[in-house]
Amino acid sequence: MLHILREHIEKIISLTDDEFSFISSHFEIKNYRKHDFLITLGHDVKYCYFVTKGLLKLVYDDEGGKQHIVAFAMEDWWESDFLAYYSKSKATMSLQCLEDTQVLCLPLESYHALCTSLPKMEHFLLQKANAGHISAQQRILSFLTSSASQRYNQLLKKYPALFQRVPKTQLASYLGVSRETLSRLSE
């Protein structure tokens, strides 16, 4: 599993064996079953997760009890409740497995140690954070400017694998449409 992390990091920076050994020593390997929670609303968020196998969903429950899917995370993606992770506050969202999942867990203290000890790792993590910011802004703009049909087609084009792995009710929630509307869009 650690070779997956190395390949992921080396898409952006090069590493010596010693550097990667140091980096990998900061991660914890964990396995979860389908339906398990990695993050639970109101609890501490100890880790940022790198997915090596499986699929996660990040969920926000509003005051009315409606569930909103904020993000999906599959192999080669990072996910967490980043507000709670970085600020050491309680989770405002939940992170749940949609499949049996294997992750590499990075505690915040280790995140800081990697950034302090290896400037190139700080560069890598900054690049990943920037990509996440860009993706979040694109998603917001999509909701503000695109029709349901356009959002569906954008998601299908960008992440076709999600359509094979995620139940339609959850895809509908992510797209901000009803299950019936999603069925019409997918015809």
N, C-alpha and C. Protein backbone atom coordinates (compact mmCIF):
# COMPACT_ATOMS: atom_id res chain seq x y z
N MET A 1 0.81 -1.20 0.00
CA MET A 1 0.00 0.00 0.00
C MET A 1 0.86 1.26 0.00
N LEU A 2 2.00 1.22 0.67
CA LEU A 2 2.85 2.41 0.73
C LEU A 2 3.40 2.79 -0.64
N HIS A 3 3.57 1.79 -1.53
CA HIS A 3 4.04 2.13 -2.88
C HIS A 3 3.04 3.02 -3.60
N ILE A 4 1.75 2.87 -3.29
CA ILE A 4 0.71 3.71 -3.89
C ILE A 4 0.92 5.16 -3.46
N LEU A 5 1.22 5.36 -2.18
CA LEU A 5 1.49 6.71 -1.68
C LEU A 5 2.72 7.29 -2.35
N ARG A 6 3.76 6.50 -2.48
CA ARG A 6 4.99 7.00 -3.11
C ARG A 6 4.73 7.42 -4.56
N GLU A 7 4.04 6.57 -5.30
CA GLU A 7 3.71 6.92 -6.70
C GLU A 7 2.89 8.20 -6.76
N HIS A 8 1.96 8.34 -5.83
CA HIS A 8 1.11 9.54 -5.78
C HIS A 8 1.95 10.80 -5.53
N ILE A 9 2.83 10.73 -4.55
CA ILE A 9 3.67 11.88 -4.22
C ILE A 9 4.63 12.19 -5.35
N GLU A 10 5.18 11.15 -5.98
CA GLU A 10 6.19 11.37 -7.01
C GLU A 10 5.60 11.87 -8.34
N LYS A 11 4.29 12.01 -8.40
CA LYS A 11 3.70 12.71 -9.54
C LYS A 11 4.02 14.21 -9.47
N ILE A 12 4.39 14.68 -8.28
CA ILE A 12 4.65 16.10 -8.06
C ILE A 12 6.11 16.37 -7.67
N ILE A 13 6.66 15.54 -6.79
CA ILE A 13 8.04 15.73 -6.34
C ILE A 13 8.79 14.41 -6.42
N SER A 14 10.12 14.47 -6.52
CA SER A 14 10.92 13.25 -6.49
C SER A 14 11.38 13.00 -5.06
N LEU A 15 11.55 11.71 -4.74
CA LEU A 15 11.94 11.32 -3.39
C LEU A 15 13.07 10.31 -3.42
N THR A 16 13.95 10.42 -2.44
CA THR A 16 14.93 9.36 -2.23
C THR A 16 14.26 8.28 -1.39
N ASP A 17 14.89 7.13 -1.31
CA ASP A 17 14.34 6.06 -0.46
C ASP A 17 14.30 6.49 1.00
N ASP A 18 15.33 7.19 1.45
CA ASP A 18 15.35 7.67 2.84
C ASP A 18 14.23 8.67 3.10
N GLU A 19 14.02 9.59 2.16
CA GLU A 19 12.93 10.56 2.33
C GLU A 19 11.58 9.87 2.39
N PHE A 20 11.38 8.89 1.52
CA PHE A 20 10.09 8.21 1.54
C PHE A 20 9.92 7.39 2.82
N SER A 21 10.98 6.81 3.29
CA SER A 21 10.92 6.07 4.55
C SER A 21 10.50 7.00 5.69
N PHE A 22 11.07 8.19 5.71
CA PHE A 22 10.70 9.19 6.72
C PHE A 22 9.22 9.58 6.57
N ILE A 23 8.80 9.84 5.34
CA ILE A 23 7.41 10.23 5.08
C ILE A 23 6.46 9.12 5.52
N SER A 24 6.72 7.92 5.07
CA SER A 24 5.79 6.82 5.36
C SER A 24 5.69 6.52 6.85
N SER A 25 6.73 6.85 7.61
CA SER A 25 6.70 6.61 9.06
C SER A 25 5.68 7.51 9.77
N HIS A 26 5.19 8.53 9.08
CA HIS A 26 4.23 9.46 9.67
C HIS A 26 2.77 9.06 9.41
N PHE A 27 2.57 8.04 8.63
CA PHE A 27 1.21 7.59 8.29
C PHE A 27 0.85 6.32 9.05
N GLU A 28 -0.42 6.18 9.34
CA GLU A 28 -0.96 4.96 9.93
C GLU A 28 -1.84 4.29 8.88
N ILE A 29 -1.73 2.98 8.74
CA ILE A 29 -2.55 2.22 7.80
C ILE A 29 -3.79 1.73 8.54
N LYS A 30 -4.96 1.99 7.95
CA LYS A 30 -6.21 1.51 8.57
C LYS A 30 -7.12 0.94 7.50
N ASN A 31 -7.87 -0.07 7.91
CA ASN A 31 -8.87 -0.69 7.04
C ASN A 31 -10.24 -0.51 7.66
N TYR A 32 -11.22 -0.22 6.82
CA TYR A 32 -12.60 -0.02 7.27
C TYR A 32 -13.53 -0.85 6.39
N ARG A 33 -14.66 -1.20 6.95
CA ARG A 33 -15.69 -1.95 6.22
C ARG A 33 -16.72 -0.97 5.66
N LYS A 34 -17.43 -1.44 4.66
CA LYS A 34 -18.53 -0.67 4.09
C LYS A 34 -19.47 -0.24 5.22
N HIS A 35 -19.88 1.01 5.19
CA HIS A 35 -20.78 1.66 6.16
C HIS A 35 -20.05 2.17 7.41
N ASP A 36 -18.78 1.82 7.63
CA ASP A 36 -18.04 2.35 8.78
C ASP A 36 -17.84 3.85 8.62
N PHE A 37 -17.73 4.54 9.75
CA PHE A 37 -17.43 5.96 9.77
C PHE A 37 -15.98 6.19 10.14
N LEU A 38 -15.29 7.02 9.37
CA LEU A 38 -13.95 7.45 9.70
C LEU A 38 -14.00 8.72 10.54
N ILE A 39 -14.99 9.55 10.23
CA ILE A 39 -15.24 10.79 10.98
C ILE A 39 -16.72 10.81 11.33
N THR A 40 -17.00 11.15 12.59
CA THR A 40 -18.39 11.22 13.04
C THR A 40 -18.68 12.64 13.51
N LEU A 41 -19.80 13.17 13.11
CA LEU A 41 -20.23 14.51 13.48
C LEU A 41 -20.07 14.73 14.99
N GLY A 42 -19.45 15.84 15.36
CA GLY A 42 -19.31 16.20 16.76
C GLY A 42 -18.11 15.61 17.47
N HIS A 43 -17.35 14.76 16.80
CA HIS A 43 -16.18 14.14 17.41
C HIS A 43 -14.89 14.80 16.90
N ASP A 44 -13.79 14.48 17.56
CA ASP A 44 -12.49 14.98 17.12
C ASP A 44 -12.13 14.40 15.75
N VAL A 45 -11.43 15.19 14.96
CA VAL A 45 -10.94 14.73 13.66
C VAL A 45 -9.43 14.59 13.78
N LYS A 46 -8.98 13.35 13.88
CA LYS A 46 -7.57 13.08 14.14
C LYS A 46 -6.72 13.02 12.90
N TYR A 47 -7.35 12.75 11.74
CA TYR A 47 -6.57 12.46 10.55
C TYR A 47 -7.10 13.15 9.30
N CYS A 48 -6.17 13.29 8.37
CA CYS A 48 -6.48 13.50 6.97
C CYS A 48 -6.22 12.14 6.33
N TYR A 49 -7.10 11.71 5.43
CA TYR A 49 -7.03 10.36 4.89
C TYR A 49 -6.63 10.36 3.42
N PHE A 50 -5.69 9.48 3.07
CA PHE A 50 -5.35 9.22 1.68
C PHE A 50 -5.91 7.84 1.35
N VAL A 51 -6.79 7.79 0.36
CA VAL A 51 -7.48 6.55 0.02
C VAL A 51 -6.61 5.72 -0.92
N THR A 52 -6.29 4.50 -0.49
CA THR A 52 -5.53 3.59 -1.35
C THR A 52 -6.44 2.55 -1.99
N LYS A 53 -7.57 2.29 -1.36
CA LYS A 53 -8.54 1.33 -1.90
C LYS A 53 -9.90 1.66 -1.31
N GLY A 54 -10.92 1.71 -2.16
CA GLY A 54 -12.27 1.92 -1.66
C GLY A 54 -12.86 3.27 -2.04
N LEU A 55 -13.94 3.60 -1.35
CA LEU A 55 -14.71 4.80 -1.69
C LEU A 55 -15.35 5.36 -0.44
N LEU A 56 -15.25 6.69 -0.28
CA LEU A 56 -15.79 7.40 0.88
C LEU A 56 -16.77 8.46 0.42
N LYS A 57 -17.65 8.86 1.35
CA LYS A 57 -18.49 10.03 1.11
C LYS A 57 -18.39 10.95 2.31
N LEU A 58 -18.27 12.25 2.05
CA LEU A 58 -18.24 13.28 3.07
C LEU A 58 -19.62 13.91 3.10
N VAL A 59 -20.25 13.90 4.29
CA VAL A 59 -21.66 14.28 4.40
C VAL A 59 -21.85 15.38 5.44
N TYR A 60 -22.72 16.34 5.09
CA TYR A 60 -23.15 17.39 6.02
C TYR A 60 -24.64 17.22 6.26
N ASP A 61 -25.04 17.15 7.52
CA ASP A 61 -26.46 17.08 7.88
C ASP A 61 -26.91 18.46 8.32
N ASP A 62 -27.92 19.02 7.63
CA ASP A 62 -28.38 20.36 8.00
C ASP A 62 -29.31 20.28 9.21
N GLU A 63 -29.72 21.45 9.70
CA GLU A 63 -30.55 21.51 10.90
C GLU A 63 -31.90 20.83 10.71
N GLY A 64 -32.37 20.75 9.48
CA GLY A 64 -33.64 20.09 9.19
C GLY A 64 -33.51 18.58 9.05
N GLY A 65 -32.30 18.07 9.21
CA GLY A 65 -32.07 16.64 9.11
C GLY A 65 -31.80 16.14 7.70
N LYS A 66 -31.72 17.07 6.76
CA LYS A 66 -31.43 16.67 5.38
C LYS A 66 -29.92 16.44 5.22
N GLN A 67 -29.59 15.34 4.55
CA GLN A 67 -28.20 14.97 4.34
C GLN A 67 -27.72 15.52 2.99
N HIS A 68 -26.57 16.19 3.02
CA HIS A 68 -25.97 16.75 1.81
C HIS A 68 -24.61 16.09 1.60
N ILE A 69 -24.41 15.49 0.45
CA ILE A 69 -23.12 14.89 0.15
C ILE A 69 -22.20 15.98 -0.41
N VAL A 70 -21.16 16.26 0.33
CA VAL A 70 -20.22 17.32 -0.01
C VAL A 70 -19.19 16.82 -1.01
N ALA A 71 -18.76 15.57 -0.82
CA ALA A 71 -17.70 15.04 -1.68
C ALA A 71 -17.69 13.52 -1.63
N PHE A 72 -17.12 12.95 -2.66
CA PHE A 72 -16.76 11.54 -2.69
C PHE A 72 -15.24 11.49 -2.74
N ALA A 73 -14.67 10.41 -2.26
CA ALA A 73 -13.21 10.24 -2.33
C ALA A 73 -12.92 8.78 -2.66
N MET A 74 -12.26 8.57 -3.78
CA MET A 74 -11.88 7.22 -4.17
C MET A 74 -10.36 7.13 -4.21
N GLU A 75 -9.85 6.05 -4.74
CA GLU A 75 -8.42 5.81 -4.75
C GLU A 75 -7.64 7.02 -5.28
N ASP A 76 -6.54 7.30 -4.58
CA ASP A 76 -5.62 8.38 -4.97
C ASP A 76 -6.14 9.76 -4.58
N TRP A 77 -7.17 9.82 -3.73
CA TRP A 77 -7.73 11.09 -3.27
C TRP A 77 -7.50 11.26 -1.78
N TRP A 78 -7.47 12.50 -1.34
CA TRP A 78 -7.36 12.88 0.06
C TRP A 78 -8.71 13.38 0.53
N GLU A 79 -9.06 13.09 1.79
CA GLU A 79 -10.32 13.62 2.32
C GLU A 79 -10.25 13.74 3.83
N SER A 80 -11.02 14.69 4.35
CA SER A 80 -11.20 14.90 5.78
C SER A 80 -12.25 15.99 5.96
N ASP A 81 -12.63 16.23 7.19
CA ASP A 81 -13.35 17.46 7.53
C ASP A 81 -12.22 18.44 7.82
N PHE A 82 -11.80 19.16 6.81
CA PHE A 82 -10.57 19.94 6.91
C PHE A 82 -10.66 21.07 7.92
N LEU A 83 -11.83 21.68 8.09
CA LEU A 83 -11.97 22.72 9.11
C LEU A 83 -11.65 22.13 10.48
N ALA A 84 -12.25 21.02 10.81
CA ALA A 84 -12.03 20.40 12.12
C ALA A 84 -10.60 19.88 12.25
N TYR A 85 -10.07 19.32 11.18
CA TYR A 85 -8.71 18.77 11.19
C TYR A 85 -7.68 19.86 11.50
N TYR A 86 -7.70 20.94 10.73
CA TYR A 86 -6.69 21.98 10.90
C TYR A 86 -6.90 22.83 12.15
N SER A 87 -8.15 23.02 12.55
CA SER A 87 -8.43 23.88 13.72
C SER A 87 -8.54 23.10 15.03
N LYS A 88 -8.40 21.77 14.93
CA LYS A 88 -8.53 20.89 16.10
C LYS A 88 -9.87 21.10 16.80
N SER A 89 -10.91 21.27 16.00
CA SER A 89 -12.26 21.43 16.54
C SER A 89 -13.07 20.17 16.25
N LYS A 90 -14.31 20.16 16.69
CA LYS A 90 -15.17 18.99 16.49
C LYS A 90 -15.66 18.94 15.04
N ALA A 91 -15.90 17.74 14.57
CA ALA A 91 -16.34 17.52 13.18
C ALA A 91 -17.70 18.16 12.94
N THR A 92 -17.81 18.83 11.80
CA THR A 92 -19.09 19.39 11.35
C THR A 92 -19.71 18.52 10.27
N MET A 93 -18.94 17.50 9.84
CA MET A 93 -19.39 16.58 8.80
C MET A 93 -19.00 15.16 9.21
N SER A 94 -19.52 14.21 8.48
CA SER A 94 -19.18 12.80 8.70
C SER A 94 -18.52 12.25 7.44
N LEU A 95 -17.61 11.30 7.63
CA LEU A 95 -16.94 10.64 6.51
C LEU A 95 -17.21 9.14 6.65
N GLN A 96 -17.88 8.59 5.64
CA GLN A 96 -18.35 7.20 5.72
C GLN A 96 -17.89 6.41 4.51
N CYS A 97 -17.64 5.11 4.74
CA CYS A 97 -17.24 4.20 3.67
C CYS A 97 -18.45 3.75 2.86
N LEU A 98 -18.34 3.85 1.55
CA LEU A 98 -19.35 3.30 0.64
C LEU A 98 -18.94 1.90 0.18
N GLU A 99 -17.68 1.57 0.39
CA GLU A 99 -17.12 0.25 0.07
C GLU A 99 -16.13 -0.08 1.17
N ASP A 100 -15.70 -1.34 1.23
CA ASP A 100 -14.57 -1.65 2.09
C ASP A 100 -13.42 -0.76 1.65
N THR A 101 -12.74 -0.15 2.60
CA THR A 101 -11.79 0.91 2.28
C THR A 101 -10.50 0.76 3.08
N GLN A 102 -9.42 1.08 2.40
CA GLN A 102 -8.10 1.10 3.03
C GLN A 102 -7.55 2.51 2.87
N VAL A 103 -7.08 3.08 3.97
CA VAL A 103 -6.58 4.45 3.94
C VAL A 103 -5.24 4.55 4.65
N LEU A 104 -4.51 5.57 4.29
CA LEU A 104 -3.33 5.99 5.03
C LEU A 104 -3.73 7.25 5.79
N CYS A 105 -3.54 7.23 7.10
CA CYS A 105 -4.00 8.31 7.97
C CYS A 105 -2.83 9.20 8.37
N LEU A 106 -3.00 10.50 8.20
CA LEU A 106 -1.95 11.45 8.54
C LEU A 106 -2.44 12.34 9.68
N PRO A 107 -1.91 12.12 10.91
CA PRO A 107 -2.26 13.01 12.01
C PRO A 107 -1.74 14.43 11.76
N LEU A 108 -2.38 15.42 12.33
CA LEU A 108 -1.99 16.81 12.11
C LEU A 108 -0.55 17.07 12.56
N GLU A 109 -0.15 16.49 13.66
CA GLU A 109 1.23 16.67 14.14
C GLU A 109 2.23 16.14 13.11
N SER A 110 1.89 15.03 12.48
CA SER A 110 2.76 14.47 11.45
C SER A 110 2.76 15.33 10.19
N TYR A 111 1.60 15.88 9.87
CA TYR A 111 1.50 16.82 8.74
C TYR A 111 2.51 17.96 8.95
N HIS A 112 2.47 18.55 10.14
CA HIS A 112 3.38 19.67 10.44
C HIS A 112 4.84 19.22 10.45
N ALA A 113 5.10 18.05 10.98
CA ALA A 113 6.47 17.53 11.01
C ALA A 113 7.00 17.33 9.60
N LEU A 114 6.17 16.80 8.71
CA LEU A 114 6.61 16.59 7.33
C LEU A 114 6.90 17.93 6.65
N CYS A 115 6.04 18.91 6.88
CA CYS A 115 6.24 20.22 6.25
C CYS A 115 7.50 20.91 6.77
N THR A 116 7.76 20.76 8.07
CA THR A 116 8.93 21.39 8.69
C THR A 116 10.22 20.70 8.27
N SER A 117 10.19 19.38 8.23
CA SER A 117 11.42 18.60 7.97
C SER A 117 11.77 18.46 6.50
N LEU A 118 10.76 18.46 5.65
CA LEU A 118 10.98 18.27 4.21
C LEU A 118 10.24 19.35 3.41
N PRO A 119 10.93 20.43 3.07
CA PRO A 119 10.26 21.49 2.32
C PRO A 119 9.60 21.00 1.03
N LYS A 120 10.17 19.99 0.40
CA LYS A 120 9.53 19.49 -0.83
C LYS A 120 8.21 18.80 -0.51
N MET A 121 8.07 18.24 0.68
CA MET A 121 6.80 17.65 1.08
C MET A 121 5.77 18.75 1.36
N GLU A 122 6.24 19.85 1.92
CA GLU A 122 5.36 21.00 2.10
C GLU A 122 4.85 21.48 0.74
N HIS A 123 5.73 21.49 -0.24
CA HIS A 123 5.34 21.87 -1.61
C HIS A 123 4.28 20.90 -2.15
N PHE A 124 4.50 19.61 -1.95
CA PHE A 124 3.53 18.60 -2.39
C PHE A 124 2.17 18.83 -1.74
N LEU A 125 2.16 18.99 -0.43
CA LEU A 125 0.88 19.16 0.29
C LEU A 125 0.19 20.46 -0.11
N LEU A 126 0.97 21.49 -0.39
CA LEU A 126 0.40 22.75 -0.88
C LEU A 126 -0.25 22.55 -2.25
N GLN A 127 0.40 21.81 -3.12
CA GLN A 127 -0.18 21.53 -4.44
C GLN A 127 -1.49 20.77 -4.32
N LYS A 128 -1.55 19.80 -3.40
CA LYS A 128 -2.78 19.03 -3.19
C LYS A 128 -3.88 19.93 -2.63
N ALA A 129 -3.51 20.82 -1.68
CA ALA A 129 -4.49 21.74 -1.10
C ALA A 129 -5.01 22.71 -2.16
N ASN A 130 -4.11 23.22 -3.00
CA ASN A 130 -4.53 24.14 -4.07
C ASN A 130 -5.49 23.45 -5.02
N ALA A 131 -5.20 22.21 -5.38
CA ALA A 131 -6.10 21.46 -6.27
C ALA A 131 -7.47 21.29 -5.61
N GLY A 132 -7.49 21.04 -4.32
CA GLY A 132 -8.75 20.92 -3.59
C GLY A 132 -9.53 22.22 -3.57
N HIS A 133 -8.84 23.33 -3.38
CA HIS A 133 -9.51 24.65 -3.40
C HIS A 133 -10.13 24.92 -4.77
N ILE A 134 -9.37 24.64 -5.80
CA ILE A 134 -9.86 24.86 -7.16
C ILE A 134 -11.09 23.99 -7.43
N SER A 135 -11.01 22.74 -7.05
CA SER A 135 -12.14 21.83 -7.24
C SER A 135 -13.38 22.30 -6.49
N ALA A 136 -13.20 22.77 -5.26
CA ALA A 136 -14.33 23.27 -4.47
C ALA A 136 -14.95 24.50 -5.12
N GLN A 137 -14.12 25.41 -5.62
CA GLN A 137 -14.66 26.60 -6.30
C GLN A 137 -15.40 26.22 -7.57
N GLN A 138 -14.87 25.26 -8.32
CA GLN A 138 -15.55 24.82 -9.54
C GLN A 138 -16.91 24.20 -9.21
N ARG A 139 -16.97 23.45 -8.12
CA ARG A 139 -18.25 22.84 -7.71
C ARG A 139 -19.25 23.91 -7.32
N ILE A 140 -18.81 24.92 -6.58
CA ILE A 140 -19.71 26.02 -6.20
C ILE A 140 -20.21 26.74 -7.45
N LEU A 141 -19.30 27.05 -8.36
CA LEU A 141 -19.70 27.74 -9.60
C LEU A 141 -20.66 26.89 -10.42
N SER A 142 -20.46 25.60 -10.42
CA SER A 142 -21.36 24.70 -11.14
C SER A 142 -22.78 24.79 -10.58
N PHE A 143 -22.89 24.82 -9.25
CA PHE A 143 -24.21 24.95 -8.63
C PHE A 143 -24.85 26.30 -8.92
N LEU A 144 -24.02 27.33 -9.05
CA LEU A 144 -24.55 28.67 -9.27
C LEU A 144 -24.92 28.93 -10.73
N THR A 145 -24.24 28.27 -11.65
CA THR A 145 -24.39 28.65 -13.06
C THR A 145 -24.86 27.55 -13.99
N SER A 146 -24.91 26.31 -13.52
CA SER A 146 -25.23 25.19 -14.41
C SER A 146 -26.57 24.57 -14.07
N SER A 147 -27.22 24.06 -15.09
CA SER A 147 -28.46 23.32 -14.89
C SER A 147 -28.13 21.94 -14.32
N ALA A 148 -29.15 21.24 -13.86
CA ALA A 148 -28.97 19.89 -13.35
C ALA A 148 -28.36 19.00 -14.43
N SER A 149 -28.83 19.16 -15.65
CA SER A 149 -28.31 18.36 -16.76
C SER A 149 -26.83 18.65 -17.00
N GLN A 150 -26.46 19.91 -16.94
CA GLN A 150 -25.06 20.28 -17.13
C GLN A 150 -24.18 19.72 -16.00
N ARG A 151 -24.66 19.81 -14.76
CA ARG A 151 -23.89 19.27 -13.63
C ARG A 151 -23.72 17.76 -13.77
N TYR A 152 -24.78 17.08 -14.18
CA TYR A 152 -24.72 15.63 -14.40
C TYR A 152 -23.66 15.30 -15.45
N ASN A 153 -23.70 15.99 -16.57
CA ASN A 153 -22.75 15.72 -17.66
C ASN A 153 -21.31 16.07 -17.27
N GLN A 154 -21.14 17.14 -16.49
CA GLN A 154 -19.80 17.50 -16.02
C GLN A 154 -19.23 16.41 -15.12
N LEU A 155 -20.06 15.90 -14.20
CA LEU A 155 -19.62 14.85 -13.30
C LEU A 155 -19.32 13.56 -14.07
N LEU A 156 -20.19 13.22 -15.00
CA LEU A 156 -20.00 12.01 -15.80
C LEU A 156 -18.69 12.09 -16.60
N LYS A 157 -18.41 13.25 -17.15
CA LYS A 157 -17.19 13.43 -17.95
C LYS A 157 -15.94 13.40 -17.07
N LYS A 158 -16.01 14.05 -15.91
CA LYS A 158 -14.84 14.17 -15.05
C LYS A 158 -14.57 12.90 -14.24
N TYR A 159 -15.62 12.25 -13.75
CA TYR A 159 -15.46 11.07 -12.88
C TYR A 159 -16.42 9.95 -13.27
N PRO A 160 -16.24 9.36 -14.44
CA PRO A 160 -17.18 8.32 -14.88
C PRO A 160 -17.23 7.11 -13.94
N ALA A 161 -16.15 6.82 -13.25
CA ALA A 161 -16.13 5.67 -12.35
C ALA A 161 -17.14 5.81 -11.21
N LEU A 162 -17.43 7.04 -10.80
CA LEU A 162 -18.40 7.23 -9.72
C LEU A 162 -19.77 6.66 -10.09
N PHE A 163 -20.13 6.73 -11.35
CA PHE A 163 -21.45 6.27 -11.79
C PHE A 163 -21.58 4.75 -11.69
N GLN A 164 -20.46 4.05 -11.66
CA GLN A 164 -20.48 2.60 -11.49
C GLN A 164 -20.43 2.19 -10.03
N ARG A 165 -19.97 3.09 -9.17
CA ARG A 165 -19.68 2.73 -7.77
C ARG A 165 -20.61 3.36 -6.74
N VAL A 166 -21.29 4.42 -7.11
CA VAL A 166 -22.10 5.17 -6.15
C VAL A 166 -23.59 4.95 -6.44
N PRO A 167 -24.38 4.63 -5.41
CA PRO A 167 -25.82 4.48 -5.64
C PRO A 167 -26.44 5.78 -6.19
N LYS A 168 -27.45 5.62 -7.03
CA LYS A 168 -28.05 6.78 -7.70
C LYS A 168 -28.63 7.78 -6.72
N THR A 169 -29.17 7.32 -5.60
CA THR A 169 -29.71 8.27 -4.62
C THR A 169 -28.62 9.18 -4.08
N GLN A 170 -27.42 8.64 -3.91
CA GLN A 170 -26.31 9.44 -3.41
C GLN A 170 -25.74 10.36 -4.48
N LEU A 171 -25.70 9.89 -5.72
CA LEU A 171 -25.30 10.77 -6.82
C LEU A 171 -26.28 11.93 -6.94
N ALA A 172 -27.55 11.64 -6.79
CA ALA A 172 -28.58 12.69 -6.86
C ALA A 172 -28.34 13.73 -5.77
N SER A 173 -28.07 13.27 -4.56
CA SER A 173 -27.80 14.19 -3.45
C SER A 173 -26.58 15.06 -3.76
N TYR A 174 -25.53 14.45 -4.27
CA TYR A 174 -24.31 15.19 -4.60
C TYR A 174 -24.59 16.26 -5.67
N LEU A 175 -25.43 15.92 -6.63
CA LEU A 175 -25.75 16.84 -7.72
C LEU A 175 -26.84 17.85 -7.36
N GLY A 176 -27.49 17.65 -6.21
CA GLY A 176 -28.53 18.57 -5.78
C GLY A 176 -29.83 18.39 -6.53
N VAL A 177 -30.13 17.15 -6.91
CA VAL A 177 -31.37 16.84 -7.64
C VAL A 177 -32.07 15.66 -6.96
N SER A 178 -33.32 15.45 -7.32
CA SER A 178 -34.04 14.29 -6.80
C SER A 178 -33.59 13.04 -7.54
N ARG A 179 -33.90 11.91 -6.96
CA ARG A 179 -33.57 10.60 -7.58
C ARG A 179 -34.29 10.48 -8.92
N GLU A 180 -35.52 10.97 -8.98
CA GLU A 180 -36.30 10.90 -10.22
C GLU A 180 -35.66 11.76 -11.31
N THR A 181 -35.20 12.95 -10.93
CA THR A 181 -34.54 13.82 -11.91
C THR A 181 -33.26 13.17 -12.41
N LEU A 182 -32.50 12.56 -11.52
CA LEU A 182 -31.28 11.87 -11.95
C LEU A 182 -31.60 10.75 -12.94
N SER A 183 -32.68 10.02 -12.68
CA SER A 183 -33.08 8.94 -13.61
C SER A 183 -33.39 9.51 -14.98
N ARG A 184 -34.07 10.64 -15.04
CA ARG A 184 -34.37 11.27 -16.34
C ARG A 184 -33.08 11.74 -17.03
N LEU A 185 -32.15 12.29 -16.24
CA LEU A 185 -30.90 12.79 -16.82
C LEU A 185 -30.04 11.65 -17.37
N SER A 186 -30.12 10.47 -16.75
CA SER A 186 -29.27 9.37 -17.18
C SER A 186 -29.85 8.55 -18.33
N GLU A 187 -31.03 8.90 -18.78
CA GLU A 187 -31.65 8.15 -19.89
C GLU A 187 -31.05 8.54 -21.22
